[in-house]
Each structure stands twice: as C-alpha cells, then as structure tokens.
Amino acid sequence: MTKRIALTGATGFVGSHLIKNLLSRGYLVNALARKEQQTEDGVQWIYGDLENENALAKLIEDCDTVINVAGLIKAKKTSDFMSANAHAVTKLKSISKKSPHNPLFIQISSFAARERHLSDYAESKYQGEEILKIGDEVRWTILRPPAVYGPGDIETLKIFKVVKSGFAFFPANKNNRVSWIHISDLCDAIATLVETENCENTTFEVDDGAPDGYSHEEFFKITAKVMDKSVISTTIPKPVLKIIGSTNQVLGKLMNYAPMVTSKKVNEICHSDWVLNKNIDFKTTGWHPKIRLEDGLKETLDWYKNNKYI
C-alpha cells in the first residue's frame, strides 16, 4: 500500500521542495496550508494552521508518517516562537498518538537547538525536541539541518545582494564556522528517514559533507567566485551587531513587524561553532549529500537571475 504522509509547513521553502521530492517517490501527501492552493495529483490540501486541532486531526488521519517542517525563524515576541516551534509539537504529538496507524513523527529541528541559551528561537526549537521525546506514546525521529539554501530561498538572497554590492561582512569573527546544506540534499535526507528502519527515537544532524563546514571568510569567497565579484571584506564586531539588533526590535514594535536580526539573534549569528556534530551524523545511515556548496550556489544564483531577484 502506498504510504500517505502528513506534512506541515508545506507552502514554505523547505516544505514546497519536500512535497515534490515525496511525490517523485510515489508517496501521497496530506499538506497543511492556511490559504487555498492549486490542486496537484497526490496532494490533499488540508486548510488550517497549527492552532486548529480539527485541521491537524484531518491532516494526520490515515497517515503513516508525520513530518513537521512548520515553524518560525523570526517572530514579534517570545511567545510566538514557543507557540509555533514547541506548543505545536505538543498538539501534533497528542493527535498522532491517538492514530491507529501509529505514525512515525519526524521533527525538522535546527542546529540552534544545541545552544538553547543563545536566543528565543534556539530555546523554542530545543523545547520542541524535548516535548517529542517525553514518554513512549509516539515513534519519533529528530533531524537537525544547518543553514539551508537553494532555489526559492529568499533569506540567502540577502547574502548574494551584499556580495553583488562588492562587500563581505563577517559577524564577530571571520573564522567562525558554519555548516550548510542544499535544499535538494535536505529533502533527500528527510525522505530517507521515511524509508529507513531503525532510525526511531534518534536525533540526527545533516550537512553537505564538507569537513568542519566553512568559515565565514571561506563562504563569502565561494559566493564571490560564483558571482565573479571582487569584494571588500570587513568584520562587524558583536557589540555593533547588538546595537543593530536592538534597533530592529524597537522598529519592529513601532511598525508591527517581526525583525530577523534581533539582539538575541545576534548571539546565534556570532556563535563560533555551527558545524555538524559528527557523533549524530545522518550519513551513518548510508545517506550522503550530492551537492557541493559551489555548485549549489551557482544553481541558486541562476534561479535568482531567472526570477529577476538579482
């Protein structure tokens, strides 16, 4: 029988790519969406949000696997982070454990969950993981990706625009290291979890396979090479970034929007080690990334150009 998968965050960057990946493997998908979507073979759209328990129950009905991609990476206040990244897990878990199909619950978390003290976002992702682990009512697997990029990603676009302007800004220290993963590799990793036995009750991390990730300097050099640009490099001290973050928070309150860079987010940005933990590397399952950073950035740049973002 064909597996049916419940997917949250289906209309976002990761979710929209993941739907295509799952459909290509022959799965049926129940996908949660706030707004009406175009019909697509193999997809049953469930309209509602993470607060709507009736919609969540319909989403999970008859599903063998639940993949929770939904979450907030920026928010107006701490409670918004907790609601989307932690409390929603409680609701999904509660509904999942009532299902006669005993679905596997795959939580897409973040490297940030390793350092809960750094920001409200990090704390909320940590809490989401811990909620899932409590008790033995559901079968669960947690997958932590690092920075994700690829066609359709609007956040990485900001880096390309900075490089296009002829600059490279290193937060706090040019030698701080970060892992990256292309969206296609991340989706393959998630799909592999659906298909791989003996991955239950385990936390994994994934990256693009680069040993020890990339320093900020290395990443900007690769980006500049892809764009065929010469850049002027400078390091922005953490205190300066803190001022920028605090200013963004004030403006966010005055203008009623959720800023990406806040004072606490600066703690994340300036952290020295966002590199894959080799002790929980997902490649131990036999999965391996296929896309090198330089190749992936070229593909992403082409998408930006074709869609007139750059």
Protein backbone atom coordinates (compact mmCIF):
# COMPACT_ATOMS: atom_id res chain seq x y z
CA MET A 1 0.00 0.00 0.00
CA THR A 2 1.25 3.49 -0.87
CA LYS A 3 2.38 5.47 2.16
CA ARG A 4 0.48 8.64 3.00
CA ILE A 5 2.46 11.38 4.69
CA ALA A 6 1.20 14.32 6.76
CA LEU A 7 3.25 17.46 6.16
CA THR A 8 3.21 20.80 7.95
CA GLY A 9 4.98 23.84 6.56
CA ALA A 10 4.03 22.60 3.11
CA THR A 11 3.94 26.03 1.45
CA GLY A 12 7.28 27.26 2.80
CA PHE A 13 10.74 27.00 1.29
CA VAL A 14 11.59 23.54 2.65
CA GLY A 15 8.04 22.19 2.54
CA SER A 16 7.38 23.10 -1.10
CA HIS A 17 10.56 21.32 -2.20
CA LEU A 18 9.81 18.36 0.06
CA ILE A 19 6.36 17.82 -1.46
CA LYS A 20 7.92 17.44 -4.91
CA ASN A 21 10.50 15.01 -3.56
CA LEU A 22 7.91 12.85 -1.80
CA LEU A 23 5.60 12.79 -4.83
CA SER A 24 8.51 11.75 -7.05
CA ARG A 25 8.95 8.72 -4.77
CA GLY A 26 5.31 7.73 -5.17
CA TYR A 27 4.00 8.87 -1.79
CA LEU A 28 0.64 10.52 -1.15
CA VAL A 29 0.77 13.73 0.88
CA ASN A 30 -1.68 15.43 3.23
CA ALA A 31 -0.38 19.02 3.28
CA LEU A 32 -1.37 21.75 5.74
CA ALA A 33 -1.94 25.24 4.29
CA ARG A 34 -3.51 28.45 5.52
CA LYS A 35 -4.66 29.59 2.06
CA GLU A 36 -6.20 27.82 -0.90
CA GLN A 37 -3.64 26.08 -3.14
CA GLN A 38 -3.62 24.78 -6.68
CA THR A 39 -4.76 21.17 -6.97
CA GLU A 40 -1.97 18.66 -7.52
CA ASP A 41 -2.08 14.92 -8.12
CA GLY A 42 -1.11 13.05 -4.98
CA VAL A 43 -1.65 16.02 -2.65
CA GLN A 44 -4.65 16.50 -0.39
CA TRP A 45 -4.61 20.06 0.92
CA ILE A 46 -5.88 20.47 4.48
CA TYR A 47 -6.77 24.08 5.24
CA GLY A 48 -5.95 25.44 8.67
CA ASP A 49 -2.96 26.25 10.85
CA LEU A 50 -1.06 24.77 13.78
CA GLU A 51 -3.63 26.19 16.22
CA ASN A 52 -6.54 24.38 14.53
CA GLU A 53 -6.79 20.95 16.14
CA ASN A 54 -9.60 19.82 13.82
CA ALA A 55 -7.41 20.59 10.81
CA LEU A 56 -4.47 18.78 12.42
CA ALA A 57 -6.62 15.72 13.11
CA LYS A 58 -7.72 15.65 9.47
CA LEU A 59 -4.10 16.16 8.38
CA ILE A 60 -2.85 13.13 10.29
CA GLU A 61 -5.84 10.89 9.52
CA ASP A 62 -4.78 7.72 7.64
CA CYS A 63 -1.12 8.78 7.56
CA ASP A 64 1.86 6.50 8.18
CA THR A 65 4.31 9.35 8.80
CA VAL A 66 4.05 12.90 10.16
CA ILE A 67 6.74 15.36 9.06
CA ASN A 68 6.70 18.62 10.99
CA VAL A 69 8.55 21.22 8.94
CA ALA A 70 6.49 24.21 10.08
CA GLY A 71 8.00 26.76 12.40
CA LEU A 72 9.04 30.37 12.82
CA ILE A 73 12.55 31.69 12.25
CA LYS A 74 11.53 35.23 13.16
CA ALA A 75 8.78 36.47 15.47
CA LYS A 76 7.47 39.59 17.15
CA LYS A 77 7.72 38.10 20.65
CA THR A 78 8.98 35.02 22.53
CA SER A 79 5.52 33.51 22.87
CA ASP A 80 5.18 33.40 19.08
CA PHE A 81 8.35 31.32 18.82
CA MET A 82 7.14 28.97 21.55
CA SER A 83 3.70 28.60 20.01
CA ALA A 84 4.97 27.67 16.55
CA ASN A 85 8.13 25.73 17.42
CA ALA A 86 7.19 23.98 20.67
CA HIS A 87 3.49 24.06 21.55
CA ALA A 88 2.56 22.96 18.03
CA VAL A 89 4.63 19.82 18.60
CA THR A 90 2.50 19.09 21.67
CA LYS A 91 -0.68 19.30 19.58
CA LEU A 92 0.68 17.18 16.73
CA LYS A 93 2.05 14.60 19.14
CA SER A 94 -1.23 14.36 21.04
CA ILE A 95 -3.18 13.74 17.83
CA SER A 96 -0.57 11.34 16.44
CA LYS A 97 -0.66 9.07 19.48
CA LYS A 98 -4.42 8.59 19.01
CA SER A 99 -3.97 7.37 15.43
CA PRO A 100 -4.43 3.63 14.86
CA HIS A 101 -1.66 3.86 12.23
CA ASN A 102 0.97 4.67 14.89
CA PRO A 103 2.72 7.14 12.54
CA LEU A 104 6.40 7.93 12.72
CA PHE A 105 6.81 11.57 13.81
CA ILE A 106 9.74 13.27 12.05
CA GLN A 107 10.59 16.62 13.61
CA ILE A 108 12.65 19.00 11.47
CA SER A 109 14.56 20.97 14.06
CA SER A 110 17.75 23.04 13.83
CA PHE A 111 21.39 23.12 14.91
CA ALA A 112 20.24 26.03 17.08
CA ALA A 113 18.55 23.56 19.45
CA ARG A 114 22.05 22.58 20.64
CA GLU A 115 22.57 26.05 22.14
CA ARG A 116 19.23 26.83 23.76
CA HIS A 117 20.66 29.74 25.78
CA LEU A 118 21.53 31.83 22.74
CA SER A 119 18.11 33.05 21.63
CA ASP A 120 14.35 32.65 21.93
CA TYR A 121 14.39 30.78 18.62
CA ALA A 122 17.02 28.33 19.88
CA GLU A 123 15.09 27.77 23.11
CA SER A 124 11.85 27.12 21.24
CA LYS A 125 13.49 24.57 18.90
CA TYR A 126 15.05 22.85 21.92
CA GLN A 127 11.68 22.71 23.68
CA GLY A 128 10.08 21.25 20.55
CA GLU A 129 12.60 18.41 20.59
CA GLU A 130 12.15 17.74 24.31
CA ILE A 131 8.35 17.64 24.04
CA LEU A 132 8.61 14.98 21.36
CA LYS A 133 11.00 12.85 23.43
CA ILE A 134 8.81 12.69 26.54
CA GLY A 135 7.16 9.28 27.06
CA ASP A 136 6.85 6.47 24.56
CA GLU A 137 3.45 7.26 23.04
CA VAL A 138 4.81 8.03 19.57
CA ARG A 139 7.67 6.85 17.41
CA TRP A 140 9.88 9.84 16.69
CA THR A 141 12.98 10.95 14.83
CA ILE A 142 14.57 14.40 15.00
CA LEU A 143 16.55 15.82 12.09
CA ARG A 144 18.61 18.98 12.59
CA PRO A 145 19.69 20.79 9.42
CA PRO A 146 22.20 23.65 9.40
CA ALA A 147 21.78 26.72 7.19
CA VAL A 148 19.67 25.66 4.18
CA TYR A 149 19.90 27.31 0.77
CA GLY A 150 18.82 26.71 -2.82
CA PRO A 151 16.39 27.89 -5.49
CA GLY A 152 13.46 29.69 -3.89
CA ASP A 153 15.29 30.70 -0.71
CA ILE A 154 14.75 34.39 -0.08
CA GLU A 155 16.90 34.57 3.06
CA THR A 156 20.15 33.60 1.29
CA LEU A 157 19.30 36.17 -1.37
CA LYS A 158 20.39 38.85 1.12
CA ILE A 159 23.93 37.44 1.11
CA PHE A 160 24.05 37.45 -2.68
CA LYS A 161 22.92 41.09 -2.74
CA VAL A 162 25.64 42.08 -0.27
CA VAL A 163 28.28 40.36 -2.42
CA LYS A 164 26.84 41.96 -5.55
CA SER A 165 27.33 45.35 -3.91
CA GLY A 166 31.03 44.49 -3.51
CA PHE A 167 31.19 43.71 0.19
CA ALA A 168 31.57 40.75 2.54
CA PHE A 169 30.57 41.23 6.17
CA PHE A 170 31.82 38.74 8.76
CA PRO A 171 29.81 38.65 12.01
CA ALA A 172 32.14 38.85 15.04
CA ASN A 173 34.95 36.72 13.59
CA LYS A 174 35.80 35.68 10.03
CA ASN A 175 36.99 32.31 11.32
CA ASN A 176 33.70 31.28 12.94
CA ARG A 177 32.46 28.14 11.20
CA VAL A 178 29.07 27.16 9.79
CA SER A 179 27.72 24.09 8.01
CA TRP A 180 25.42 24.42 5.00
CA ILE A 181 23.13 22.08 3.06
CA HIS A 182 21.38 22.40 -0.31
CA ILE A 183 17.60 22.07 -0.20
CA SER A 184 17.63 19.02 -2.52
CA ASP A 185 20.02 17.16 -0.22
CA LEU A 186 17.94 18.05 2.83
CA CYS A 187 14.76 16.76 1.16
CA ASP A 188 16.51 13.53 0.20
CA ALA A 189 17.64 13.12 3.80
CA ILE A 190 14.10 13.61 5.11
CA ALA A 191 12.70 11.15 2.57
CA THR A 192 15.41 8.67 3.54
CA LEU A 193 14.16 8.82 7.13
CA VAL A 194 10.72 7.83 5.88
CA GLU A 195 12.22 4.81 4.14
CA THR A 196 14.88 3.70 6.64
CA GLU A 197 14.22 1.34 9.51
CA ASN A 198 15.93 1.59 12.88
CA CYS A 199 16.03 5.40 12.90
CA GLU A 200 13.42 5.78 15.61
CA ASN A 201 13.99 7.65 18.88
CA THR A 202 17.19 9.17 17.50
CA THR A 203 18.42 12.69 16.80
CA PHE A 204 20.44 13.22 13.62
CA GLU A 205 22.27 16.14 12.04
CA VAL A 206 22.96 16.66 8.32
CA ASP A 207 25.21 18.87 6.23
CA ASP A 208 26.75 18.98 2.75
CA GLY A 209 29.69 16.76 3.68
CA ALA A 210 32.34 19.49 3.91
CA PRO A 211 34.73 18.57 6.74
CA ASP A 212 34.29 21.10 9.55
CA GLY A 213 31.93 23.24 7.49
CA TYR A 214 33.04 26.66 6.25
CA SER A 215 34.44 29.73 7.92
CA HIS A 216 32.57 32.95 7.16
CA GLU A 217 35.56 34.01 5.09
CA GLU A 218 35.51 30.77 3.06
CA PHE A 219 31.77 31.02 2.42
CA PHE A 220 31.97 34.60 1.13
CA LYS A 221 34.97 33.74 -1.05
CA ILE A 222 32.99 30.92 -2.69
CA THR A 223 29.96 33.17 -3.14
CA ALA A 224 32.10 35.94 -4.64
CA LYS A 225 33.70 33.42 -7.02
CA VAL A 226 30.29 32.18 -8.15
CA MET A 227 29.19 35.76 -8.79
CA ASP A 228 32.52 36.72 -10.37
CA LYS A 229 32.83 39.65 -7.98
CA SER A 230 35.69 41.21 -6.07
CA VAL A 231 34.65 42.15 -2.57
CA ILE A 232 35.91 44.34 0.25
CA SER A 233 35.85 42.26 3.43
CA THR A 234 35.24 43.59 6.91
CA THR A 235 34.39 42.13 10.30
CA ILE A 236 31.45 43.63 12.21
CA PRO A 237 32.08 43.44 15.99
CA LYS A 238 29.38 41.79 18.08
CA PRO A 239 28.62 44.98 20.09
CA VAL A 240 27.81 46.78 16.83
CA LEU A 241 25.55 43.92 15.73
CA LYS A 242 23.86 44.06 19.14
CA ILE A 243 23.04 47.74 18.57
CA ILE A 244 21.63 46.90 15.14
CA GLY A 245 19.58 44.06 16.64
CA SER A 246 18.19 46.23 19.42
CA THR A 247 17.30 48.95 16.92
CA ASN A 248 15.49 46.39 14.76
CA GLN A 249 13.48 45.27 17.77
CA VAL A 250 12.35 48.82 18.53
CA LEU A 251 11.43 49.42 14.89
CA GLY A 252 9.62 46.08 14.78
CA LYS A 253 7.42 47.10 17.70
CA LEU A 254 6.74 50.55 16.29
CA MET A 255 5.95 49.28 12.79
CA ASN A 256 4.39 45.95 13.84
CA TYR A 257 6.67 43.53 12.01
CA ALA A 258 8.92 40.63 13.02
CA PRO A 259 12.60 41.51 12.51
CA MET A 260 15.02 38.76 11.52
CA VAL A 261 18.07 40.23 13.28
CA THR A 262 17.36 40.98 16.93
CA SER A 263 19.66 41.39 19.90
CA LYS A 264 19.27 37.71 20.83
CA LYS A 265 19.54 36.54 17.22
CA VAL A 266 22.96 38.21 17.16
CA ASN A 267 24.06 35.63 19.75
CA GLU A 268 23.28 32.91 17.21
CA ILE A 269 24.90 34.74 14.31
CA CYS A 270 28.10 35.29 16.29
CA HIS A 271 28.34 31.77 17.72
CA SER A 272 31.70 30.26 16.76
CA ASP A 273 30.65 26.67 16.01
CA TRP A 274 27.62 25.83 13.87
CA VAL A 275 29.34 22.75 12.44
CA LEU A 276 27.80 19.28 12.22
CA ASN A 277 28.14 17.08 15.31
CA LYS A 278 29.84 14.02 13.86
CA ASN A 279 28.53 11.85 16.70
CA ILE A 280 24.99 12.16 15.34
CA ASP A 281 25.81 12.47 11.64
CA PHE A 282 22.94 11.15 9.49
CA LYS A 283 25.42 9.74 6.97
CA THR A 284 25.78 6.74 9.28
CA THR A 285 22.50 5.52 7.72
CA GLY A 286 24.08 5.33 4.27
CA TRP A 287 22.63 8.63 3.04
CA HIS A 288 25.15 11.03 1.51
CA PRO A 289 24.81 14.60 0.19
CA LYS A 290 25.27 15.12 -3.54
CA ILE A 291 25.63 18.89 -4.00
CA ARG A 292 28.83 20.80 -3.26
CA LEU A 293 28.46 24.34 -1.97
CA GLU A 294 29.93 26.00 -5.06
CA ASP A 295 27.67 24.04 -7.41
CA GLY A 296 24.63 24.68 -5.25
CA LEU A 297 25.32 28.41 -5.04
CA LYS A 298 25.66 28.58 -8.84
CA GLU A 299 22.27 26.91 -9.22
CA THR A 300 20.75 29.26 -6.66
CA LEU A 301 22.23 32.32 -8.37
CA ASP A 302 20.79 31.18 -11.71
CA TRP A 303 17.36 30.88 -10.08
CA TYR A 304 17.64 34.40 -8.63
CA LYS A 305 18.62 35.77 -12.04
CA ASN A 306 15.91 33.89 -13.92
CA ASN A 307 13.30 35.17 -11.48
CA LYS A 308 14.71 38.72 -11.57
CA TYR A 309 15.72 38.87 -7.90
CA ILE A 310 19.24 39.84 -8.94
